[in-house]
Amino acid sequence: MIEISDESLIQRIAAGDRAAMRILHGRHATRTLRFLIRLVRDESQAEDLMSDVYFDVWRQASRFEGRSSVSTWILSIARFKALSALRRRAPRPLEPEIAEAVEDDADTPEVVAQKASKADAMRRCLGRLSLEHREVIDLVYYHERSVEEASEILQIPAATVKTRMFYARKKLAELLAAAGVDRGWP
């Protein structure tokens, strides 16, 4: 079977082709959902946002100009939806039982050694980065986007992407060192 390009699918979606929408969704849904989960840190909310993202893809397919790849366009819609949701999210005070259960960051070396694997430590440290640094790391390393594509998705200059990458890697190295994780991976 000949694989249809994403751009062709978008044209067919713009004409109302539901089968094309199912194919496009199948290609990009997992990556989009993971991106949303990393940004909003709530799987349920990320799933709700996924529906909004692909509804917008359906509605806006006729306006796709092809200045970027379809996957970049979808991730930029997802990012906009996630940031909008984060702005609407009101900070909730912690309930006393939950506040008491919050782990102290000042773990002893023995506790650090007993914690989960290096991959878990990496996820924890990534979660401690600022939103701007997390999204750059996520796009470049997890979604394998170029600096230019990340720049387009984030709607910032490429130089800013590079600067954020530099500081994100520096901060991540500090966090990993503080967590007792060396730079070498087995």
N, C-alpha and C. Protein backbone atom coordinates (compact mmCIF):
# COMPACT_ATOMS: atom_id res chain seq x y z
N MET A 1 0.83 -1.19 0.00
CA MET A 1 0.00 0.00 0.00
C MET A 1 0.87 1.25 0.00
N ILE A 2 0.51 2.20 -0.79
CA ILE A 2 1.26 3.45 -0.89
C ILE A 2 0.87 4.33 0.29
N GLU A 3 1.89 4.83 0.97
CA GLU A 3 1.62 5.69 2.13
C GLU A 3 1.31 7.10 1.66
N ILE A 4 0.25 7.65 2.19
CA ILE A 4 -0.19 8.99 1.84
C ILE A 4 0.55 9.97 2.74
N SER A 5 1.04 11.06 2.16
CA SER A 5 1.77 12.06 2.96
C SER A 5 0.81 12.79 3.89
N ASP A 6 1.39 13.32 4.96
CA ASP A 6 0.59 14.10 5.90
C ASP A 6 -0.06 15.30 5.21
N GLU A 7 0.68 15.92 4.31
CA GLU A 7 0.15 17.08 3.60
C GLU A 7 -1.07 16.70 2.76
N SER A 8 -1.03 15.53 2.12
CA SER A 8 -2.18 15.06 1.34
C SER A 8 -3.36 14.77 2.26
N LEU A 9 -3.05 14.20 3.42
CA LEU A 9 -4.12 13.93 4.39
C LEU A 9 -4.79 15.23 4.83
N ILE A 10 -4.01 16.26 5.06
CA ILE A 10 -4.56 17.56 5.47
C ILE A 10 -5.49 18.09 4.38
N GLN A 11 -5.08 17.97 3.13
CA GLN A 11 -5.94 18.42 2.03
C GLN A 11 -7.25 17.64 2.00
N ARG A 12 -7.14 16.34 2.24
CA ARG A 12 -8.36 15.52 2.24
C ARG A 12 -9.24 15.85 3.46
N ILE A 13 -8.60 16.13 4.59
CA ILE A 13 -9.36 16.51 5.79
C ILE A 13 -10.09 17.83 5.53
N ALA A 14 -9.41 18.76 4.88
CA ALA A 14 -10.03 20.06 4.55
C ALA A 14 -11.27 19.86 3.69
N ALA A 15 -11.30 18.78 2.91
CA ALA A 15 -12.45 18.48 2.05
C ALA A 15 -13.50 17.66 2.79
N GLY A 16 -13.25 17.37 4.09
CA GLY A 16 -14.22 16.65 4.89
C GLY A 16 -14.04 15.14 4.95
N ASP A 17 -12.87 14.64 4.58
CA ASP A 17 -12.61 13.19 4.56
C ASP A 17 -12.30 12.69 5.98
N ARG A 18 -13.25 11.98 6.57
CA ARG A 18 -13.09 11.46 7.93
C ARG A 18 -12.03 10.35 8.00
N ALA A 19 -11.92 9.55 6.96
CA ALA A 19 -10.92 8.48 6.94
C ALA A 19 -9.51 9.08 6.99
N ALA A 20 -9.31 10.18 6.28
CA ALA A 20 -8.00 10.85 6.31
C ALA A 20 -7.70 11.35 7.72
N MET A 21 -8.73 11.83 8.41
CA MET A 21 -8.55 12.31 9.79
C MET A 21 -8.14 11.16 10.69
N ARG A 22 -8.77 10.00 10.52
CA ARG A 22 -8.42 8.84 11.34
C ARG A 22 -6.96 8.42 11.10
N ILE A 23 -6.53 8.47 9.86
CA ILE A 23 -5.15 8.09 9.54
C ILE A 23 -4.17 9.08 10.17
N LEU A 24 -4.45 10.37 10.00
CA LEU A 24 -3.57 11.40 10.57
C LEU A 24 -3.51 11.27 12.09
N HIS A 25 -4.66 11.08 12.71
CA HIS A 25 -4.72 10.92 14.16
C HIS A 25 -3.90 9.70 14.58
N GLY A 26 -4.05 8.60 13.87
CA GLY A 26 -3.28 7.39 14.19
C GLY A 26 -1.78 7.61 14.11
N ARG A 27 -1.34 8.41 13.19
CA ARG A 27 0.10 8.68 13.03
C ARG A 27 0.67 9.54 14.14
N HIS A 28 -0.11 10.50 14.62
CA HIS A 28 0.45 11.53 15.50
C HIS A 28 -0.12 11.56 16.92
N ALA A 29 -1.13 10.78 17.21
CA ALA A 29 -1.81 10.88 18.51
C ALA A 29 -0.90 10.55 19.69
N THR A 30 -0.14 9.48 19.60
CA THR A 30 0.70 9.07 20.72
C THR A 30 1.74 10.14 21.04
N ARG A 31 2.40 10.63 20.04
CA ARG A 31 3.43 11.66 20.23
C ARG A 31 2.80 12.93 20.80
N THR A 32 1.64 13.30 20.27
CA THR A 32 0.96 14.51 20.75
C THR A 32 0.54 14.36 22.20
N LEU A 33 -0.01 13.19 22.54
CA LEU A 33 -0.45 12.96 23.92
C LEU A 33 0.74 13.01 24.89
N ARG A 34 1.84 12.39 24.54
CA ARG A 34 3.02 12.43 25.41
C ARG A 34 3.52 13.85 25.60
N PHE A 35 3.50 14.62 24.53
CA PHE A 35 3.91 16.03 24.60
C PHE A 35 3.01 16.79 25.57
N LEU A 36 1.70 16.59 25.44
CA LEU A 36 0.75 17.27 26.32
C LEU A 36 0.91 16.85 27.77
N ILE A 37 1.12 15.55 28.00
CA ILE A 37 1.29 15.07 29.38
C ILE A 37 2.51 15.73 30.02
N ARG A 38 3.60 15.82 29.26
CA ARG A 38 4.80 16.45 29.81
C ARG A 38 4.57 17.92 30.15
N LEU A 39 3.74 18.59 29.36
CA LEU A 39 3.51 20.01 29.60
C LEU A 39 2.54 20.26 30.76
N VAL A 40 1.41 19.56 30.77
CA VAL A 40 0.39 19.85 31.80
C VAL A 40 0.52 18.97 33.03
N ARG A 41 1.30 17.88 32.93
CA ARG A 41 1.55 16.97 34.06
C ARG A 41 0.27 16.39 34.64
N ASP A 42 -0.69 16.13 33.79
CA ASP A 42 -1.95 15.54 34.21
C ASP A 42 -2.50 14.76 33.02
N GLU A 43 -2.48 13.44 33.14
CA GLU A 43 -2.86 12.60 32.00
C GLU A 43 -4.31 12.83 31.58
N SER A 44 -5.20 12.96 32.56
CA SER A 44 -6.61 13.18 32.24
C SER A 44 -6.80 14.49 31.49
N GLN A 45 -6.17 15.54 31.96
CA GLN A 45 -6.29 16.83 31.28
C GLN A 45 -5.64 16.77 29.90
N ALA A 46 -4.53 16.06 29.78
CA ALA A 46 -3.87 15.92 28.48
C ALA A 46 -4.78 15.21 27.48
N GLU A 47 -5.50 14.20 27.94
CA GLU A 47 -6.43 13.49 27.04
C GLU A 47 -7.55 14.41 26.59
N ASP A 48 -8.05 15.25 27.51
CA ASP A 48 -9.08 16.23 27.12
C ASP A 48 -8.52 17.22 26.09
N LEU A 49 -7.30 17.67 26.32
CA LEU A 49 -6.68 18.61 25.39
C LEU A 49 -6.46 17.97 24.03
N MET A 50 -6.18 16.66 24.02
CA MET A 50 -5.99 15.94 22.74
C MET A 50 -7.23 16.09 21.87
N SER A 51 -8.39 15.94 22.48
CA SER A 51 -9.63 16.08 21.72
C SER A 51 -9.72 17.47 21.11
N ASP A 52 -9.38 18.48 21.90
CA ASP A 52 -9.42 19.85 21.41
C ASP A 52 -8.43 20.06 20.27
N VAL A 53 -7.23 19.49 20.41
CA VAL A 53 -6.19 19.64 19.39
C VAL A 53 -6.68 19.07 18.06
N TYR A 54 -7.18 17.84 18.08
CA TYR A 54 -7.57 17.21 16.82
C TYR A 54 -8.88 17.78 16.28
N PHE A 55 -9.70 18.35 17.15
CA PHE A 55 -10.88 19.07 16.67
C PHE A 55 -10.42 20.31 15.89
N ASP A 56 -9.41 21.01 16.43
CA ASP A 56 -8.86 22.16 15.72
C ASP A 56 -8.20 21.76 14.41
N VAL A 57 -7.51 20.63 14.40
CA VAL A 57 -6.91 20.14 13.15
C VAL A 57 -8.02 19.94 12.12
N TRP A 58 -9.11 19.33 12.53
CA TRP A 58 -10.25 19.10 11.63
C TRP A 58 -10.81 20.43 11.10
N ARG A 59 -11.02 21.38 12.01
CA ARG A 59 -11.62 22.65 11.64
C ARG A 59 -10.67 23.54 10.84
N GLN A 60 -9.37 23.47 11.13
CA GLN A 60 -8.42 24.41 10.52
C GLN A 60 -7.62 23.81 9.38
N ALA A 61 -7.93 22.60 8.97
CA ALA A 61 -7.14 21.94 7.92
C ALA A 61 -7.08 22.78 6.65
N SER A 62 -8.15 23.45 6.32
CA SER A 62 -8.16 24.26 5.10
C SER A 62 -7.23 25.47 5.20
N ARG A 63 -6.86 25.85 6.43
CA ARG A 63 -5.97 27.00 6.63
C ARG A 63 -4.50 26.62 6.75
N PHE A 64 -4.21 25.30 6.71
CA PHE A 64 -2.82 24.85 6.80
C PHE A 64 -2.08 25.35 5.55
N GLU A 65 -1.00 26.10 5.75
CA GLU A 65 -0.28 26.73 4.65
C GLU A 65 0.95 25.95 4.22
N GLY A 66 1.34 24.95 4.96
CA GLY A 66 2.50 24.16 4.57
C GLY A 66 3.84 24.82 4.84
N ARG A 67 3.86 25.85 5.69
CA ARG A 67 5.14 26.50 6.01
C ARG A 67 5.98 25.65 6.95
N SER A 68 5.37 24.64 7.54
CA SER A 68 6.08 23.71 8.42
C SER A 68 5.53 22.32 8.13
N SER A 69 6.12 21.32 8.76
CA SER A 69 5.57 19.97 8.58
C SER A 69 4.26 19.88 9.34
N VAL A 70 3.44 18.92 8.96
CA VAL A 70 2.15 18.74 9.61
C VAL A 70 2.34 18.42 11.09
N SER A 71 3.34 17.57 11.40
CA SER A 71 3.55 17.21 12.81
C SER A 71 3.96 18.43 13.63
N THR A 72 4.73 19.33 13.06
CA THR A 72 5.11 20.57 13.75
C THR A 72 3.89 21.43 13.97
N TRP A 73 3.03 21.51 12.98
CA TRP A 73 1.79 22.29 13.09
C TRP A 73 0.90 21.73 14.20
N ILE A 74 0.78 20.40 14.26
CA ILE A 74 -0.05 19.76 15.29
C ILE A 74 0.53 20.03 16.67
N LEU A 75 1.85 19.89 16.83
CA LEU A 75 2.47 20.15 18.13
C LEU A 75 2.35 21.61 18.54
N SER A 76 2.34 22.52 17.59
CA SER A 76 2.17 23.93 17.96
C SER A 76 0.74 24.19 18.43
N ILE A 77 -0.23 23.52 17.83
CA ILE A 77 -1.62 23.63 18.32
C ILE A 77 -1.69 23.05 19.73
N ALA A 78 -1.05 21.90 19.93
CA ALA A 78 -1.06 21.25 21.24
C ALA A 78 -0.41 22.14 22.29
N ARG A 79 0.69 22.75 21.95
CA ARG A 79 1.38 23.64 22.90
C ARG A 79 0.48 24.82 23.28
N PHE A 80 -0.18 25.41 22.30
CA PHE A 80 -1.07 26.53 22.58
C PHE A 80 -2.19 26.09 23.53
N LYS A 81 -2.77 24.92 23.26
CA LYS A 81 -3.86 24.41 24.12
C LYS A 81 -3.34 24.16 25.54
N ALA A 82 -2.15 23.57 25.66
CA ALA A 82 -1.58 23.27 26.98
C ALA A 82 -1.30 24.55 27.76
N LEU A 83 -0.69 25.52 27.11
CA LEU A 83 -0.38 26.77 27.81
C LEU A 83 -1.65 27.50 28.23
N SER A 84 -2.67 27.47 27.39
CA SER A 84 -3.95 28.08 27.75
C SER A 84 -4.55 27.38 28.97
N ALA A 85 -4.47 26.06 28.99
CA ALA A 85 -5.01 25.30 30.12
C ALA A 85 -4.21 25.60 31.40
N LEU A 86 -2.89 25.72 31.28
CA LEU A 86 -2.07 26.02 32.45
C LEU A 86 -2.38 27.41 33.00
N ARG A 87 -2.67 28.36 32.13
CA ARG A 87 -3.01 29.71 32.59
C ARG A 87 -4.35 29.73 33.32
N ARG A 88 -5.27 28.88 32.89
CA ARG A 88 -6.59 28.83 33.52
C ARG A 88 -6.56 28.08 34.84
N ARG A 89 -5.57 27.22 35.02
CA ARG A 89 -5.50 26.38 36.21
C ARG A 89 -5.22 27.25 37.44
N ALA A 90 -6.14 27.24 38.36
CA ALA A 90 -5.97 28.02 39.59
C ALA A 90 -5.16 27.19 40.58
N PRO A 91 -4.21 27.81 41.25
CA PRO A 91 -3.44 27.05 42.25
C PRO A 91 -4.36 26.64 43.40
N ARG A 92 -4.28 25.37 43.75
CA ARG A 92 -5.10 24.85 44.84
C ARG A 92 -4.23 24.64 46.06
N PRO A 93 -4.74 25.04 47.23
CA PRO A 93 -3.96 24.78 48.44
C PRO A 93 -3.93 23.27 48.72
N LEU A 94 -2.81 22.81 49.25
CA LEU A 94 -2.69 21.40 49.59
C LEU A 94 -3.49 21.08 50.84
N GLU A 95 -4.11 19.94 50.81
CA GLU A 95 -4.81 19.49 52.00
C GLU A 95 -3.76 19.04 53.00
N PRO A 96 -4.04 19.16 54.31
CA PRO A 96 -3.02 18.85 55.33
C PRO A 96 -2.41 17.44 55.17
N GLU A 97 -3.24 16.44 54.85
CA GLU A 97 -2.70 15.08 54.72
C GLU A 97 -1.72 14.99 53.56
N ILE A 98 -2.04 15.67 52.48
CA ILE A 98 -1.16 15.65 51.31
C ILE A 98 0.12 16.43 51.61
N ALA A 99 -0.02 17.58 52.25
CA ALA A 99 1.14 18.41 52.57
C ALA A 99 2.13 17.64 53.45
N GLU A 100 1.61 16.85 54.38
CA GLU A 100 2.50 16.07 55.26
C GLU A 100 3.19 14.96 54.49
N ALA A 101 2.57 14.49 53.42
CA ALA A 101 3.14 13.39 52.65
C ALA A 101 4.15 13.85 51.60
N VAL A 102 4.28 15.17 51.40
CA VAL A 102 5.22 15.68 50.41
C VAL A 102 6.63 15.35 50.87
N GLU A 103 7.38 14.78 49.95
CA GLU A 103 8.73 14.34 50.26
C GLU A 103 9.68 15.52 50.43
N ASP A 104 10.57 15.42 51.40
CA ASP A 104 11.58 16.45 51.62
C ASP A 104 12.65 16.30 50.55
N ASP A 105 13.02 17.42 49.91
CA ASP A 105 14.04 17.40 48.86
C ASP A 105 15.44 17.10 49.40
N ALA A 106 15.65 17.30 50.68
CA ALA A 106 16.98 17.12 51.26
C ALA A 106 17.18 15.67 51.70
N ASP A 107 17.18 14.75 50.73
CA ASP A 107 17.38 13.34 51.04
C ASP A 107 18.83 13.06 51.42
N THR A 108 19.02 12.08 52.26
CA THR A 108 20.37 11.64 52.60
C THR A 108 20.91 10.81 51.43
N PRO A 109 22.22 10.64 51.36
CA PRO A 109 22.77 9.82 50.27
C PRO A 109 22.22 8.39 50.26
N GLU A 110 21.92 7.84 51.43
CA GLU A 110 21.36 6.49 51.48
C GLU A 110 19.97 6.44 50.85
N VAL A 111 19.16 7.45 51.12
CA VAL A 111 17.81 7.50 50.55
C VAL A 111 17.89 7.68 49.04
N VAL A 112 18.80 8.55 48.59
CA VAL A 112 18.97 8.77 47.16
C VAL A 112 19.37 7.46 46.48
N ALA A 113 20.28 6.73 47.10
CA ALA A 113 20.74 5.46 46.52
C ALA A 113 19.62 4.44 46.44
N GLN A 114 18.66 4.51 47.35
CA GLN A 114 17.57 3.56 47.36
C GLN A 114 16.44 3.94 46.41
N LYS A 115 16.45 5.14 45.91
CA LYS A 115 15.36 5.57 45.01
C LYS A 115 15.44 4.85 43.68
N ALA A 116 14.48 5.14 42.85
CA ALA A 116 14.33 4.45 41.57
C ALA A 116 15.55 4.62 40.67
N SER A 117 15.49 3.99 39.52
CA SER A 117 16.59 3.94 38.56
C SER A 117 16.97 5.32 38.04
N LYS A 118 18.04 5.34 37.26
CA LYS A 118 18.49 6.60 36.68
C LYS A 118 17.42 7.21 35.78
N ALA A 119 16.66 6.40 35.09
CA ALA A 119 15.61 6.94 34.22
C ALA A 119 14.55 7.66 35.05
N ASP A 120 14.21 7.09 36.20
CA ASP A 120 13.25 7.75 37.08
C ASP A 120 13.83 9.05 37.62
N ALA A 121 15.10 9.03 37.96
CA ALA A 121 15.75 10.26 38.44
C ALA A 121 15.74 11.31 37.34
N MET A 122 15.98 10.89 36.11
CA MET A 122 15.97 11.82 34.99
C MET A 122 14.58 12.44 34.84
N ARG A 123 13.53 11.64 34.92
CA ARG A 123 12.16 12.17 34.81
C ARG A 123 11.86 13.16 35.93
N ARG A 124 12.30 12.83 37.13
CA ARG A 124 12.07 13.74 38.26
C ARG A 124 12.79 15.07 38.02
N CYS A 125 14.03 14.99 37.57
CA CYS A 125 14.81 16.21 37.34
C CYS A 125 14.22 17.02 36.19
N LEU A 126 13.78 16.36 35.14
CA LEU A 126 13.14 17.08 34.05
C LEU A 126 11.90 17.81 34.54
N GLY A 127 11.17 17.18 35.45
CA GLY A 127 9.98 17.80 36.01
C GLY A 127 10.26 19.03 36.84
N ARG A 128 11.48 19.17 37.30
CA ARG A 128 11.86 20.33 38.12
C ARG A 128 12.34 21.51 37.28
N LEU A 129 12.50 21.30 35.97
CA LEU A 129 12.90 22.40 35.10
C LEU A 129 11.72 23.35 34.91
N SER A 130 12.00 24.56 34.52
CA SER A 130 10.93 25.51 34.22
C SER A 130 10.18 25.03 32.98
N LEU A 131 8.98 25.52 32.78
CA LEU A 131 8.18 25.13 31.62
C LEU A 131 8.94 25.41 30.32
N GLU A 132 9.57 26.56 30.23
CA GLU A 132 10.30 26.93 29.01
C GLU A 132 11.43 25.94 28.72
N HIS A 133 12.14 25.54 29.76
CA HIS A 133 13.24 24.59 29.56
C HIS A 133 12.72 23.20 29.27
N ARG A 134 11.65 22.79 29.96
CA ARG A 134 11.06 21.46 29.72
C ARG A 134 10.57 21.32 28.28
N GLU A 135 9.89 22.35 27.76
CA GLU A 135 9.34 22.21 26.43
C GLU A 135 10.45 22.18 25.37
N VAL A 136 11.54 22.91 25.57
CA VAL A 136 12.65 22.87 24.62
C VAL A 136 13.31 21.49 24.65
N ILE A 137 13.58 20.97 25.85
CA ILE A 137 14.18 19.63 25.98
C ILE A 137 13.26 18.59 25.35
N ASP A 138 11.97 18.70 25.63
CA ASP A 138 10.99 17.75 25.12
C ASP A 138 10.97 17.75 23.59
N LEU A 139 10.91 18.92 23.00
CA LEU A 139 10.84 19.01 21.54
C LEU A 139 12.12 18.51 20.87
N VAL A 140 13.26 18.95 21.38
CA VAL A 140 14.52 18.62 20.71
C VAL A 140 14.95 17.18 20.97
N TYR A 141 14.85 16.70 22.21
CA TYR A 141 15.35 15.38 22.51
C TYR A 141 14.31 14.27 22.39
N TYR A 142 13.09 14.51 22.84
CA TYR A 142 12.08 13.45 22.81
C TYR A 142 11.33 13.41 21.49
N HIS A 143 11.11 14.57 20.88
CA HIS A 143 10.40 14.62 19.61
C HIS A 143 11.34 14.80 18.43
N GLU A 144 12.63 14.88 18.71
CA GLU A 144 13.68 14.98 17.71
C GLU A 144 13.43 16.10 16.70
N ARG A 145 13.01 17.24 17.21
CA ARG A 145 12.78 18.41 16.37
C ARG A 145 14.07 19.19 16.24
N SER A 146 14.27 19.79 15.10
CA SER A 146 15.44 20.65 14.90
C SER A 146 15.22 21.96 15.67
N VAL A 147 16.27 22.72 15.80
CA VAL A 147 16.17 24.02 16.47
C VAL A 147 15.16 24.89 15.72
N GLU A 148 15.19 24.84 14.39
CA GLU A 148 14.27 25.64 13.59
C GLU A 148 12.82 25.21 13.81
N GLU A 149 12.57 23.90 13.86
CA GLU A 149 11.21 23.42 14.10
C GLU A 149 10.74 23.80 15.50
N ALA A 150 11.62 23.64 16.48
CA ALA A 150 11.27 24.02 17.85
C ALA A 150 10.96 25.51 17.91
N SER A 151 11.75 26.29 17.19
CA SER A 151 11.54 27.73 17.13
C SER A 151 10.15 28.05 16.58
N GLU A 152 9.76 27.34 15.55
CA GLU A 152 8.44 27.57 14.95
C GLU A 152 7.31 27.15 15.89
N ILE A 153 7.46 26.00 16.52
CA ILE A 153 6.43 25.51 17.44
C ILE A 153 6.27 26.45 18.62
N LEU A 154 7.39 26.88 19.18
CA LEU A 154 7.37 27.74 20.37
C LEU A 154 7.15 29.21 20.03
N GLN A 155 7.24 29.54 18.74
CA GLN A 155 7.07 30.91 18.27
C GLN A 155 8.06 31.86 18.93
N ILE A 156 9.33 31.40 18.93
CA ILE A 156 10.43 32.22 19.44
C ILE A 156 11.59 32.10 18.45
N PRO A 157 12.54 33.03 18.48
CA PRO A 157 13.68 32.95 17.57
C PRO A 157 14.54 31.70 17.83
N ALA A 158 15.19 31.21 16.80
CA ALA A 158 16.06 30.04 16.92
C ALA A 158 17.17 30.28 17.94
N ALA A 159 17.67 31.49 17.98
CA ALA A 159 18.73 31.81 18.96
C ALA A 159 18.22 31.64 20.39
N THR A 160 16.96 31.96 20.61
CA THR A 160 16.36 31.79 21.94
C THR A 160 16.24 30.30 22.27
N VAL A 161 15.89 29.49 21.27
CA VAL A 161 15.82 28.04 21.49
C VAL A 161 17.20 27.53 21.91
N LYS A 162 18.23 27.97 21.21
CA LYS A 162 19.60 27.53 21.53
C LYS A 162 20.00 27.96 22.94
N THR A 163 19.66 29.19 23.30
CA THR A 163 19.99 29.70 24.64
C THR A 163 19.26 28.89 25.70
N ARG A 164 17.96 28.64 25.48
CA ARG A 164 17.20 27.85 26.44
C ARG A 164 17.75 26.43 26.55
N MET A 165 18.18 25.87 25.43
CA MET A 165 18.77 24.52 25.46
C MET A 165 20.03 24.53 26.32
N PHE A 166 20.87 25.53 26.15
CA PHE A 166 22.10 25.62 26.92
C PHE A 166 21.80 25.65 28.41
N TYR A 167 20.90 26.55 28.82
CA TYR A 167 20.59 26.68 30.24
C TYR A 167 19.79 25.49 30.77
N ALA A 168 18.97 24.90 29.94
CA ALA A 168 18.21 23.71 30.37
C ALA A 168 19.16 22.54 30.63
N ARG A 169 20.12 22.33 29.73
CA ARG A 169 21.09 21.25 29.93
C ARG A 169 21.95 21.50 31.17
N LYS A 170 22.34 22.76 31.35
CA LYS A 170 23.16 23.12 32.52
C LYS A 170 22.38 22.84 33.81
N LYS A 171 21.14 23.30 33.87
CA LYS A 171 20.31 23.09 35.06
C LYS A 171 20.04 21.61 35.27
N LEU A 172 19.78 20.87 34.19
CA LEU A 172 19.52 19.43 34.29
C LEU A 172 20.75 18.71 34.84
N ALA A 173 21.93 19.10 34.39
CA ALA A 173 23.16 18.49 34.91
C ALA A 173 23.30 18.75 36.41
N GLU A 174 22.97 19.98 36.84
CA GLU A 174 23.04 20.31 38.27
C GLU A 174 22.04 19.47 39.08
N LEU A 175 20.82 19.37 38.55
CA LEU A 175 19.78 18.60 39.25
C LEU A 175 20.16 17.12 39.33
N LEU A 176 20.70 16.58 38.25
CA LEU A 176 21.11 15.17 38.25
C LEU A 176 22.26 14.94 39.22
N ALA A 177 23.20 15.86 39.25
CA ALA A 177 24.32 15.73 40.19
C ALA A 177 23.81 15.77 41.63
N ALA A 178 22.88 16.68 41.89
CA ALA A 178 22.31 16.78 43.24
C ALA A 178 21.52 15.54 43.61
N ALA A 179 20.97 14.85 42.60
CA ALA A 179 20.21 13.62 42.84
C ALA A 179 21.13 12.41 42.93
N GLY A 180 22.43 12.64 42.77
CA GLY A 180 23.38 11.54 42.88
C GLY A 180 23.54 10.72 41.61
N VAL A 181 23.15 11.29 40.48
CA VAL A 181 23.25 10.58 39.21
C VAL A 181 24.45 11.13 38.46
N ASP A 182 25.37 10.22 38.08
CA ASP A 182 26.52 10.70 37.31
C ASP A 182 26.10 10.84 35.86
N ARG A 183 26.97 11.43 35.05
CA ARG A 183 26.64 11.69 33.66
C ARG A 183 26.69 10.46 32.79
N GLY A 184 27.38 9.42 33.23
CA GLY A 184 27.49 8.22 32.43
C GLY A 184 26.27 7.33 32.57
N TRP A 185 25.86 6.73 31.50
CA TRP A 185 24.72 5.80 31.51
C TRP A 185 25.25 4.41 31.22
N PRO A 186 24.75 3.38 31.94
CA PRO A 186 25.24 2.02 31.71
C PRO A 186 24.91 1.52 30.33
